[in-house]
Amino acid sequence: MRMLRVGLTGSIGVGKSFVASVFSELGCHVLDADQTAREVVMPGTPGLRAITEEFGEEILNPDGTLNRKQLGAVVFAYEDKRQRLNHILHPFIIARQDEIMREWEMKDPKGIGMVDAALMIESGGYRRFDKLIVVHCRPEIQLERLMLRDKLSRDEAQRRIDSQMPQEEKQKFADYLIDTSDGFELTRDQTEQVYYKLVQLIN
């Protein structure tokens, strides 16, 4: 018996974190890929060494930790640099996620292990999962949410959205879709329905 491995993805600002929190409440083991991404660039890690070699010492704070703002300024402006960063870090991130899922599986072989990651489809990482859930919402709602959450101008928010794979494209990869456009309660209902479908796959 092996744990059911599920990928959870969706574009920036679509409400993926709320969906992840509901799955967690329902008893899934949920890992936020951002947490893994932070772990693999801690001081002294091979990940941090690799990106410092690529982008230079100026992406570090005086204490040797990663200066995310500085790195973001470098990679958001240039598509090729962003791809280079992802190319360097993804193997470290995926290895760490797989390690955590193996730990979960030893403790709870009949459980549901879920990784919540924004770039899962783009990186090809989604292929490691038994099922893929894509969270989405209407484009105008995505834009408003992102402006509000990150205090961005309309243009800045739109640029961030445009730098990712379009929502419609992501939806083509999904085994299950969750639409967050109409608020928390309806989103929760859809999330619960997907959860019960996943449970049926285990039993």
Protein backbone atom coordinates (compact mmCIF):
# COMPACT_ATOMS: atom_id res chain seq x y z
CA MET A 1 0.00 0.00 0.00
CA ARG A 2 1.43 3.38 -0.89
CA MET A 3 0.30 6.85 -0.01
CA LEU A 4 -1.77 8.69 -2.63
CA ARG A 5 0.39 11.54 -3.92
CA VAL A 6 -1.48 14.61 -5.09
CA GLY A 7 -0.22 17.80 -6.69
CA LEU A 8 -2.04 21.06 -5.95
CA THR A 9 -1.33 23.97 -8.26
CA GLY A 10 -2.76 27.16 -9.68
CA SER A 11 -1.58 30.56 -10.81
CA ILE A 12 -0.60 33.45 -8.55
CA GLY A 13 -3.49 35.04 -6.61
CA VAL A 14 -6.14 32.37 -7.28
CA GLY A 15 -6.70 31.28 -3.66
CA LYS A 16 -4.59 28.14 -3.63
CA SER A 17 -3.46 28.68 -0.02
CA PHE A 18 -7.06 28.65 1.23
CA VAL A 19 -7.75 25.40 -0.66
CA ALA A 20 -4.56 23.89 0.81
CA SER A 21 -5.68 24.86 4.33
CA VAL A 22 -9.04 23.11 3.81
CA PHE A 23 -7.31 19.92 2.61
CA SER A 24 -5.09 20.10 5.68
CA GLU A 25 -8.13 20.45 7.98
CA LEU A 26 -9.68 17.41 6.29
CA GLY A 27 -6.63 15.32 7.21
CA CYS A 28 -4.34 15.47 4.18
CA HIS A 29 -0.61 15.89 4.70
CA VAL A 30 0.06 19.20 2.92
CA LEU A 31 3.45 20.61 2.04
CA ASP A 32 3.84 24.17 0.79
CA ALA A 33 6.53 24.18 -1.91
CA ASP A 34 7.53 27.71 -0.88
CA GLN A 35 8.62 26.27 2.45
CA THR A 36 10.81 23.71 0.66
CA ALA A 37 12.13 26.45 -1.62
CA ARG A 38 13.20 28.42 1.47
CA GLU A 39 14.81 25.35 3.06
CA VAL A 40 17.00 24.57 0.05
CA VAL A 41 18.54 28.08 0.04
CA MET A 42 19.37 28.30 3.75
CA PRO A 43 22.95 29.39 4.52
CA GLY A 44 25.40 26.56 3.90
CA THR A 45 23.15 24.61 1.52
CA PRO A 46 24.24 23.45 -1.95
CA GLY A 47 21.19 25.33 -3.31
CA LEU A 48 22.37 28.70 -2.00
CA ARG A 49 25.91 28.03 -3.21
CA ALA A 50 24.62 27.20 -6.70
CA ILE A 51 22.57 30.39 -7.07
CA THR A 52 25.32 32.59 -5.59
CA GLU A 53 27.72 31.18 -8.20
CA GLU A 54 25.19 32.00 -10.91
CA PHE A 55 23.92 35.42 -9.79
CA GLY A 56 26.80 36.77 -7.69
CA GLU A 57 27.36 37.71 -4.05
CA GLU A 58 25.05 40.75 -4.32
CA ILE A 59 22.01 38.48 -3.83
CA LEU A 60 23.21 37.80 -0.26
CA ASN A 61 22.53 39.80 2.90
CA PRO A 62 25.55 40.76 5.06
CA ASP A 63 24.81 37.77 7.32
CA GLY A 64 25.05 35.30 4.42
CA THR A 65 21.30 34.68 4.05
CA LEU A 66 19.54 35.08 0.72
CA ASN A 67 18.24 38.56 -0.05
CA ARG A 68 14.98 37.57 -1.74
CA LYS A 69 14.09 41.10 -2.78
CA GLN A 70 17.42 41.54 -4.52
CA LEU A 71 17.16 38.15 -6.24
CA GLY A 72 13.55 38.90 -7.23
CA ALA A 73 14.62 42.21 -8.80
CA VAL A 74 17.19 40.35 -10.89
CA VAL A 75 15.00 37.46 -12.05
CA PHE A 76 11.58 39.06 -12.47
CA ALA A 77 12.96 41.53 -15.01
CA TYR A 78 14.52 38.88 -17.26
CA GLU A 79 12.75 35.76 -18.47
CA ASP A 80 15.99 33.88 -19.18
CA LYS A 81 17.32 34.58 -15.66
CA ARG A 82 14.09 33.44 -14.06
CA GLN A 83 14.23 30.22 -16.03
CA ARG A 84 17.87 29.76 -15.04
CA LEU A 85 16.98 30.19 -11.34
CA ASN A 86 14.16 27.64 -11.61
CA HIS A 87 16.43 25.25 -13.48
CA ILE A 88 19.04 25.42 -10.67
CA LEU A 89 16.63 25.14 -7.74
CA HIS A 90 13.97 22.68 -8.95
CA PRO A 91 16.11 19.52 -8.52
CA PHE A 92 16.89 20.51 -4.91
CA ILE A 93 13.25 21.36 -4.19
CA ILE A 94 11.87 18.16 -5.75
CA ALA A 95 14.39 15.96 -3.89
CA ARG A 96 13.42 17.57 -0.57
CA GLN A 97 9.67 17.20 -1.29
CA ASP A 98 10.10 13.53 -2.18
CA GLU A 99 12.02 12.97 1.05
CA ILE A 100 9.19 14.54 3.10
CA MET A 101 6.56 12.46 1.25
CA ARG A 102 8.51 9.26 2.00
CA GLU A 103 8.52 10.22 5.70
CA TRP A 104 4.73 10.75 5.61
CA GLU A 105 4.24 7.44 3.82
CA MET A 106 6.11 5.51 6.50
CA LYS A 107 3.85 6.96 9.19
CA ASP A 108 0.58 6.94 7.23
CA PRO A 109 0.71 4.60 4.19
CA LYS A 110 -3.03 4.96 3.56
CA GLY A 111 -2.96 8.75 3.74
CA ILE A 112 -3.05 11.51 1.15
CA GLY A 113 0.19 13.44 0.64
CA MET A 114 -0.21 16.76 -1.13
CA VAL A 115 2.35 19.23 -2.43
CA ASP A 116 1.11 22.77 -3.07
CA ALA A 117 3.32 24.40 -5.74
CA ALA A 118 2.68 27.23 -8.20
CA LEU A 119 5.11 26.08 -10.91
CA MET A 120 4.41 22.36 -10.79
CA ILE A 121 3.22 22.10 -14.40
CA GLU A 122 5.90 24.40 -15.83
CA SER A 123 8.70 22.46 -14.10
CA GLY A 124 7.30 19.07 -15.09
CA GLY A 125 7.16 18.18 -11.38
CA TYR A 126 3.45 17.30 -11.66
CA ARG A 127 4.35 13.99 -13.35
CA ARG A 128 5.45 12.54 -9.96
CA PHE A 129 1.88 12.68 -8.63
CA ASP A 130 -1.01 10.26 -8.92
CA LYS A 131 -3.53 13.09 -9.32
CA LEU A 132 -3.35 16.81 -10.07
CA ILE A 133 -5.71 19.48 -8.72
CA VAL A 134 -5.75 22.89 -10.42
CA VAL A 135 -7.19 25.86 -8.53
CA HIS A 136 -8.44 28.73 -10.69
CA CYS A 137 -10.66 31.82 -10.68
CA ARG A 138 -11.94 34.43 -13.11
CA PRO A 139 -9.11 36.64 -14.46
CA GLU A 140 -10.52 39.92 -13.13
CA ILE A 141 -10.79 38.40 -9.64
CA GLN A 142 -7.23 37.10 -9.85
CA LEU A 143 -5.99 40.59 -10.74
CA GLU A 144 -7.89 42.28 -7.88
CA ARG A 145 -6.72 39.70 -5.34
CA LEU A 146 -3.10 40.04 -6.37
CA MET A 147 -3.16 43.85 -6.26
CA LEU A 148 -4.69 43.72 -2.80
CA ARG A 149 -2.47 40.95 -1.42
CA ASP A 150 0.90 42.24 -2.66
CA LYS A 151 -0.01 45.96 -2.78
CA LEU A 152 0.80 46.14 -6.48
CA SER A 153 -0.40 48.53 -9.16
CA ARG A 154 -2.70 47.07 -11.83
CA ASP A 155 0.19 47.00 -14.33
CA GLU A 156 2.60 45.31 -11.91
CA ALA A 157 0.02 42.69 -10.97
CA GLN A 158 -0.80 42.03 -14.63
CA ARG A 159 2.90 41.64 -15.42
CA ARG A 160 3.28 39.00 -12.71
CA ILE A 161 0.22 37.15 -14.01
CA ASP A 162 1.49 37.33 -17.60
CA SER A 163 4.86 35.88 -16.56
CA GLN A 164 3.12 32.59 -15.68
CA MET A 165 1.45 29.94 -17.78
CA PRO A 166 -2.16 31.04 -18.55
CA GLN A 167 -4.84 29.62 -16.24
CA GLU A 168 -6.72 27.97 -19.12
CA GLU A 169 -3.55 26.14 -20.11
CA LYS A 170 -3.04 24.80 -16.55
CA GLN A 171 -6.62 23.56 -16.39
CA LYS A 172 -5.95 21.15 -19.28
CA PHE A 173 -3.57 19.16 -17.03
CA ALA A 174 -6.04 18.77 -14.15
CA ASP A 175 -7.68 15.63 -12.85
CA TYR A 176 -9.81 17.91 -10.62
CA LEU A 177 -10.64 21.61 -10.85
CA ILE A 178 -11.54 23.95 -7.99
CA ASP A 179 -12.97 27.37 -8.89
CA THR A 180 -12.47 29.96 -6.12
CA SER A 181 -14.22 32.85 -7.91
CA ASP A 182 -17.33 32.90 -5.72
CA GLY A 183 -15.95 33.07 -2.22
CA PHE A 184 -14.84 30.88 0.66
CA GLU A 185 -17.96 28.76 1.26
CA LEU A 186 -18.37 27.56 -2.32
CA THR A 187 -14.64 26.95 -2.55
CA ARG A 188 -14.75 24.89 0.66
CA ASP A 189 -17.66 22.81 -0.73
CA GLN A 190 -15.74 22.03 -3.93
CA THR A 191 -12.59 21.19 -1.97
CA GLU A 192 -14.51 18.76 0.24
CA GLN A 193 -16.02 17.08 -2.83
CA VAL A 194 -12.56 16.57 -4.34
CA TYR A 195 -11.27 15.26 -1.00
CA TYR A 196 -13.99 12.57 -0.85
CA LYS A 197 -13.14 11.51 -4.40
CA LEU A 198 -9.47 11.15 -3.39
CA VAL A 199 -10.43 9.10 -0.32
CA GLN A 200 -12.38 6.70 -2.56
CA LEU A 201 -9.20 6.07 -4.56
CA ILE A 202 -7.39 4.83 -1.46
CA ASN A 203 -10.11 2.60 -0.04
